[in-house]
Amino acid sequence: MAGEDGGGARRRRRAPSTGDTADTVREGAELRCHKVQESLLSSASGFSNYRGILNWCVVMLGLGNARLFLENIIKYGILVDPIQVVSLFLKDPYSWPSLCLVLASNVFILGSLHLERRLASGRLSEGMGLFLYTIILTCILCVPVLVVFTVTSMTPGKYKTPPLSPDLLQTTPTQCFFYLQWGPPLR
């Protein structure tokens, strides 16, 4: 046997099949491991739980941004001294009204959360809740306007307004209008 193929390697032979080839082909056509179905991302499939796909997208987005962040740190180094930024803010915190507005927005968020909890537990009446919501929404409308027009910022320009204030001045009244028009979101 070793001399038949001339290479000295032993050739393996296939064992004879016990079934008929025609029967195997016929059975294989009936037994499929896959079936035709709609794509999971189409609305016709009836699949509605996309949590895994969204989690995967968030992970991929985070990994992509982390890679870019690390490449920029390796290539350029740290260009901003964080200690200087913190010391500049601590020296004159009112020179950064945008940051002050963002930090102060947490007060209104926590106030709304506390009010929602009181209303859910039944400790406040609906009328009192509406009155307190009106006060909170009025403060949300007035505080950014007062900060923008009373505090001078470090940003150059004719009006000396922080770059975040136009966004706050445009979106806050819109959100308040929707809230007052259609009420709180459904639970």
C-alpha atoms as a PDB file:
ATOM      1  CA  MET A   1       0.000   0.000   0.000  1.00  0.00           C
ATOM      2  CA  ALA A   2       2.809   2.380   0.767  1.00  0.00           C
ATOM      3  CA  GLY A   3       4.245   1.981  -2.661  1.00  0.00           C
ATOM      4  CA  GLU A   4       0.993   2.680  -4.565  1.00  0.00           C
ATOM      5  CA  ASP A   5       0.988   6.449  -4.242  1.00  0.00           C
ATOM      6  CA  GLY A   6       4.743   6.742  -4.261  1.00  0.00           C
ATOM      7  CA  GLY A   7       4.930   9.085  -1.259  1.00  0.00           C
ATOM      8  CA  GLY A   8       5.040   6.566   1.494  1.00  0.00           C
ATOM      9  CA  ALA A   9       1.983   8.101   3.213  1.00  0.00           C
ATOM     10  CA  ARG A  10      -0.927   5.871   3.958  1.00  0.00           C
ATOM     11  CA  ARG A  11      -4.098   6.811   2.141  1.00  0.00           C
ATOM     12  CA  ARG A  12      -7.341   6.766   4.105  1.00  0.00           C
ATOM     13  CA  ARG A  13     -10.358   5.197   2.536  1.00  0.00           C
ATOM     14  CA  ARG A  14     -13.943   6.162   3.114  1.00  0.00           C
ATOM     15  CA  ALA A  15     -16.151   3.583   4.736  1.00  0.00           C
ATOM     16  CA  PRO A  16     -18.978   2.316   2.529  1.00  0.00           C
ATOM     17  CA  SER A  17     -22.325   4.019   3.106  1.00  0.00           C
ATOM     18  CA  THR A  18     -25.145   1.930   4.534  1.00  0.00           C
ATOM     19  CA  GLY A  19     -28.002   3.994   3.099  1.00  0.00           C
ATOM     20  CA  ASP A  20     -29.017   4.674  -0.440  1.00  0.00           C
ATOM     21  CA  THR A  21     -27.826   8.023  -1.816  1.00  0.00           C
ATOM     22  CA  ALA A  22     -31.220   8.844  -3.341  1.00  0.00           C
ATOM     23  CA  ASP A  23     -32.945   8.292   0.023  1.00  0.00           C
ATOM     24  CA  THR A  24     -30.426  10.598   1.759  1.00  0.00           C
ATOM     25  CA  VAL A  25     -31.037  13.406  -0.732  1.00  0.00           C
ATOM     26  CA  ARG A  26     -34.803  13.059  -0.372  1.00  0.00           C
ATOM     27  CA  GLU A  27     -34.613  13.107   3.440  1.00  0.00           C
ATOM     28  CA  GLY A  28     -32.186  16.075   3.407  1.00  0.00           C
ATOM     29  CA  ALA A  29     -34.647  18.121   1.408  1.00  0.00           C
ATOM     30  CA  GLU A  30     -37.310  17.614   4.070  1.00  0.00           C
ATOM     31  CA  LEU A  31     -35.044  18.098   7.089  1.00  0.00           C
ATOM     32  CA  ARG A  32     -33.672  21.616   7.100  1.00  0.00           C
ATOM     33  CA  CYS A  33     -31.854  23.233   9.957  1.00  0.00           C
ATOM     34  CA  HIS A  34     -33.120  26.705   8.937  1.00  0.00           C
ATOM     35  CA  LYS A  35     -36.594  27.879   8.130  1.00  0.00           C
ATOM     36  CA  VAL A  36     -37.731  30.926   6.215  1.00  0.00           C
ATOM     37  CA  GLN A  37     -38.789  33.708   8.553  1.00  0.00           C
ATOM     38  CA  GLU A  38     -38.949  37.495   8.711  1.00  0.00           C
ATOM     39  CA  SER A  39     -35.911  39.444   9.857  1.00  0.00           C
ATOM     40  CA  LEU A  40     -35.846  40.196  13.574  1.00  0.00           C
ATOM     41  CA  LEU A  41     -35.370  43.881  12.791  1.00  0.00           C
ATOM     42  CA  SER A  42     -38.567  44.093  10.710  1.00  0.00           C
ATOM     43  CA  SER A  43     -41.939  44.869  12.241  1.00  0.00           C
ATOM     44  CA  ALA A  44     -43.528  41.776  10.663  1.00  0.00           C
ATOM     45  CA  SER A  45     -41.501  39.380  12.815  1.00  0.00           C
ATOM     46  CA  GLY A  46     -43.337  40.267  16.012  1.00  0.00           C
ATOM     47  CA  PHE A  47     -40.031  40.731  17.850  1.00  0.00           C
ATOM     48  CA  SER A  48     -40.133  43.841  20.038  1.00  0.00           C
ATOM     49  CA  ASN A  49     -37.374  43.444  22.626  1.00  0.00           C
ATOM     50  CA  TYR A  50     -34.362  45.297  21.231  1.00  0.00           C
ATOM     51  CA  ARG A  51     -32.581  45.731  24.566  1.00  0.00           C
ATOM     52  CA  GLY A  52     -29.678  43.469  23.616  1.00  0.00           C
ATOM     53  CA  ILE A  53     -29.119  45.239  20.319  1.00  0.00           C
ATOM     54  CA  LEU A  54     -29.218  48.645  21.998  1.00  0.00           C
ATOM     55  CA  ASN A  55     -26.821  47.495  24.725  1.00  0.00           C
ATOM     56  CA  TRP A  56     -24.452  46.213  22.051  1.00  0.00           C
ATOM     57  CA  CYS A  57     -24.661  49.575  20.245  1.00  0.00           C
ATOM     58  CA  VAL A  58     -23.831  51.437  23.466  1.00  0.00           C
ATOM     59  CA  VAL A  59     -20.873  49.151  24.136  1.00  0.00           C
ATOM     60  CA  MET A  60     -19.565  49.597  20.582  1.00  0.00           C
ATOM     61  CA  LEU A  61     -20.025  53.358  20.774  1.00  0.00           C
ATOM     62  CA  GLY A  62     -18.181  53.462  24.079  1.00  0.00           C
ATOM     63  CA  LEU A  63     -15.335  51.292  22.805  1.00  0.00           C
ATOM     64  CA  GLY A  64     -14.964  53.365  19.654  1.00  0.00           C
ATOM     65  CA  ASN A  65     -14.823  56.615  21.592  1.00  0.00           C
ATOM     66  CA  ALA A  66     -12.433  55.127  24.143  1.00  0.00           C
ATOM     67  CA  ARG A  67     -10.108  54.098  21.330  1.00  0.00           C
ATOM     68  CA  LEU A  68     -10.158  57.614  19.867  1.00  0.00           C
ATOM     69  CA  PHE A  69      -9.626  59.122  23.307  1.00  0.00           C
ATOM     70  CA  LEU A  70      -6.617  56.911  23.981  1.00  0.00           C
ATOM     71  CA  GLU A  71      -5.139  57.563  20.529  1.00  0.00           C
ATOM     72  CA  ASN A  72      -5.420  61.323  21.059  1.00  0.00           C
ATOM     73  CA  ILE A  73      -3.871  61.096  24.538  1.00  0.00           C
ATOM     74  CA  ILE A  74      -0.981  59.021  23.171  1.00  0.00           C
ATOM     75  CA  LYS A  75      -0.477  61.296  20.154  1.00  0.00           C
ATOM     76  CA  TYR A  76      -0.938  64.757  21.720  1.00  0.00           C
ATOM     77  CA  GLY A  77      -0.791  64.199  25.467  1.00  0.00           C
ATOM     78  CA  ILE A  78      -2.945  66.046  27.986  1.00  0.00           C
ATOM     79  CA  LEU A  79      -3.272  69.579  26.628  1.00  0.00           C
ATOM     80  CA  VAL A  80      -5.402  71.075  29.419  1.00  0.00           C
ATOM     81  CA  ASP A  81      -4.228  71.294  32.994  1.00  0.00           C
ATOM     82  CA  PRO A  82      -7.264  70.233  35.059  1.00  0.00           C
ATOM     83  CA  ILE A  83      -5.865  71.824  38.212  1.00  0.00           C
ATOM     84  CA  GLN A  84      -5.732  75.205  36.467  1.00  0.00           C
ATOM     85  CA  VAL A  85      -9.323  74.850  35.266  1.00  0.00           C
ATOM     86  CA  VAL A  86     -10.587  74.025  38.754  1.00  0.00           C
ATOM     87  CA  SER A  87      -8.570  76.837  40.346  1.00  0.00           C
ATOM     88  CA  LEU A  88      -9.908  79.319  37.770  1.00  0.00           C
ATOM     89  CA  PHE A  89     -13.476  78.274  38.539  1.00  0.00           C
ATOM     90  CA  LEU A  90     -12.934  78.398  42.289  1.00  0.00           C
ATOM     91  CA  LYS A  91     -11.308  81.817  42.053  1.00  0.00           C
ATOM     92  CA  ASP A  92     -14.301  83.353  40.233  1.00  0.00           C
ATOM     93  CA  PRO A  93     -17.226  80.924  39.864  1.00  0.00           C
ATOM     94  CA  TYR A  94     -19.550  83.543  38.372  1.00  0.00           C
ATOM     95  CA  SER A  95     -17.334  83.908  35.336  1.00  0.00           C
ATOM     96  CA  TRP A  96     -18.761  80.583  34.131  1.00  0.00           C
ATOM     97  CA  PRO A  97     -22.553  81.096  34.100  1.00  0.00           C
ATOM     98  CA  SER A  98     -23.170  78.111  31.812  1.00  0.00           C
ATOM     99  CA  LEU A  99     -21.696  75.737  34.356  1.00  0.00           C
ATOM    100  CA  CYS A 100     -23.632  77.498  37.113  1.00  0.00           C
ATOM    101  CA  LEU A 101     -26.869  76.993  35.156  1.00  0.00           C
ATOM    102  CA  VAL A 102     -26.170  73.307  34.603  1.00  0.00           C
ATOM    103  CA  LEU A 103     -25.368  72.771  38.271  1.00  0.00           C
ATOM    104  CA  ALA A 104     -28.425  74.762  39.376  1.00  0.00           C
ATOM    105  CA  SER A 105     -30.703  72.711  37.100  1.00  0.00           C
ATOM    106  CA  ASN A 106     -30.229  69.798  39.518  1.00  0.00           C
ATOM    107  CA  VAL A 107     -32.133  71.783  42.153  1.00  0.00           C
ATOM    108  CA  PHE A 108     -35.230  71.838  39.933  1.00  0.00           C
ATOM    109  CA  ILE A 109     -34.816  68.177  39.036  1.00  0.00           C
ATOM    110  CA  LEU A 110     -34.611  67.153  42.688  1.00  0.00           C
ATOM    111  CA  GLY A 111     -37.546  69.427  43.539  1.00  0.00           C
ATOM    112  CA  SER A 112     -39.686  67.769  40.855  1.00  0.00           C
ATOM    113  CA  LEU A 113     -38.638  64.305  42.058  1.00  0.00           C
ATOM    114  CA  HIS A 114     -39.559  65.153  45.639  1.00  0.00           C
ATOM    115  CA  LEU A 115     -42.893  66.575  44.497  1.00  0.00           C
ATOM    116  CA  GLU A 116     -43.648  63.468  42.408  1.00  0.00           C
ATOM    117  CA  ARG A 117     -42.929  61.223  45.370  1.00  0.00           C
ATOM    118  CA  ARG A 118     -45.239  63.269  47.598  1.00  0.00           C
ATOM    119  CA  LEU A 119     -48.012  63.128  45.008  1.00  0.00           C
ATOM    120  CA  ALA A 120     -47.552  59.372  44.471  1.00  0.00           C
ATOM    121  CA  SER A 121     -47.765  58.642  48.193  1.00  0.00           C
ATOM    122  CA  GLY A 122     -50.888  60.794  48.557  1.00  0.00           C
ATOM    123  CA  ARG A 123     -49.395  63.307  50.998  1.00  0.00           C
ATOM    124  CA  LEU A 124     -50.187  66.207  48.645  1.00  0.00           C
ATOM    125  CA  SER A 125     -53.467  66.984  46.932  1.00  0.00           C
ATOM    126  CA  GLU A 126     -53.664  67.343  43.166  1.00  0.00           C
ATOM    127  CA  GLY A 127     -54.394  71.081  43.441  1.00  0.00           C
ATOM    128  CA  MET A 128     -51.379  71.716  45.665  1.00  0.00           C
ATOM    129  CA  GLY A 129     -49.214  69.623  43.335  1.00  0.00           C
ATOM    130  CA  LEU A 130     -50.347  71.692  40.350  1.00  0.00           C
ATOM    131  CA  PHE A 131     -49.553  74.898  42.260  1.00  0.00           C
ATOM    132  CA  LEU A 132     -46.061  73.665  43.229  1.00  0.00           C
ATOM    133  CA  TYR A 133     -45.393  72.472  39.662  1.00  0.00           C
ATOM    134  CA  THR A 134     -46.353  75.921  38.409  1.00  0.00           C
ATOM    135  CA  ILE A 135     -43.851  77.483  40.820  1.00  0.00           C
ATOM    136  CA  ILE A 136     -41.097  75.074  39.759  1.00  0.00           C
ATOM    137  CA  LEU A 137     -41.767  75.666  36.055  1.00  0.00           C
ATOM    138  CA  THR A 138     -41.824  79.448  36.588  1.00  0.00           C
ATOM    139  CA  CYS A 139     -38.466  79.230  38.352  1.00  0.00           C
ATOM    140  CA  ILE A 140     -37.076  77.084  35.541  1.00  0.00           C
ATOM    141  CA  LEU A 141     -38.136  79.807  33.100  1.00  0.00           C
ATOM    142  CA  CYS A 142     -36.911  82.769  35.142  1.00  0.00           C
ATOM    143  CA  VAL A 143     -33.592  81.613  36.634  1.00  0.00           C
ATOM    144  CA  PRO A 144     -31.708  81.149  33.310  1.00  0.00           C
ATOM    145  CA  VAL A 145     -32.960  84.511  32.080  1.00  0.00           C
ATOM    146  CA  LEU A 146     -31.841  86.226  35.269  1.00  0.00           C
ATOM    147  CA  VAL A 147     -28.436  84.524  35.177  1.00  0.00           C
ATOM    148  CA  VAL A 148     -27.889  85.390  31.514  1.00  0.00           C
ATOM    149  CA  PHE A 149     -28.778  89.041  31.892  1.00  0.00           C
ATOM    150  CA  THR A 150     -27.185  89.736  35.287  1.00  0.00           C
ATOM    151  CA  VAL A 151     -23.927  87.737  35.308  1.00  0.00           C
ATOM    152  CA  THR A 152     -21.135  88.768  32.958  1.00  0.00           C
ATOM    153  CA  SER A 153     -19.214  85.899  31.470  1.00  0.00           C
ATOM    154  CA  MET A 154     -15.724  85.379  30.107  1.00  0.00           C
ATOM    155  CA  THR A 155     -16.972  84.719  26.575  1.00  0.00           C
ATOM    156  CA  PRO A 156     -16.295  87.521  24.103  1.00  0.00           C
ATOM    157  CA  GLY A 157     -19.196  89.089  22.305  1.00  0.00           C
ATOM    158  CA  LYS A 158     -21.597  91.974  22.241  1.00  0.00           C
ATOM    159  CA  TYR A 159     -23.965  90.666  24.918  1.00  0.00           C
ATOM    160  CA  LYS A 160     -21.464  88.673  27.024  1.00  0.00           C
ATOM    161  CA  THR A 161     -23.798  85.684  27.273  1.00  0.00           C
ATOM    162  CA  PRO A 162     -22.606  82.138  27.875  1.00  0.00           C
ATOM    163  CA  PRO A 163     -22.792  79.741  24.919  1.00  0.00           C
ATOM    164  CA  LEU A 164     -25.275  77.430  26.658  1.00  0.00           C
ATOM    165  CA  SER A 165     -27.841  80.107  27.513  1.00  0.00           C
ATOM    166  CA  PRO A 166     -29.545  80.339  24.082  1.00  0.00           C
ATOM    167  CA  ASP A 167     -30.250  76.604  24.223  1.00  0.00           C
ATOM    168  CA  LEU A 168     -31.672  76.878  27.716  1.00  0.00           C
ATOM    169  CA  LEU A 169     -33.729  79.909  26.766  1.00  0.00           C
ATOM    170  CA  GLN A 170     -35.233  78.085  23.779  1.00  0.00           C
ATOM    171  CA  THR A 171     -35.843  74.578  25.105  1.00  0.00           C
ATOM    172  CA  THR A 172     -37.082  75.351  28.614  1.00  0.00           C
ATOM    173  CA  PRO A 173     -40.207  77.315  27.546  1.00  0.00           C
ATOM    174  CA  THR A 174     -40.978  74.662  24.933  1.00  0.00           C
ATOM    175  CA  GLN A 175     -40.789  71.859  27.493  1.00  0.00           C
ATOM    176  CA  CYS A 176     -42.897  73.837  29.953  1.00  0.00           C
ATOM    177  CA  PHE A 177     -45.525  74.481  27.265  1.00  0.00           C
ATOM    178  CA  PHE A 178     -45.762  70.780  26.417  1.00  0.00           C
ATOM    179  CA  TYR A 179     -45.958  69.851  30.082  1.00  0.00           C
ATOM    180  CA  LEU A 180     -48.705  72.374  30.790  1.00  0.00           C
ATOM    181  CA  GLN A 181     -50.560  71.560  27.557  1.00  0.00           C
ATOM    182  CA  TRP A 182     -50.654  67.739  27.852  1.00  0.00           C
ATOM    183  CA  GLY A 183     -49.776  67.111  31.482  1.00  0.00           C
ATOM    184  CA  PRO A 184     -47.140  64.853  32.972  1.00  0.00           C
ATOM    185  CA  PRO A 185     -45.920  61.805  31.056  1.00  0.00           C
ATOM    186  CA  LEU A 186     -47.934  58.616  31.419  1.00  0.00           C
ATOM    187  CA  ARG A 187     -46.693  56.013  33.851  1.00  0.00           C
END
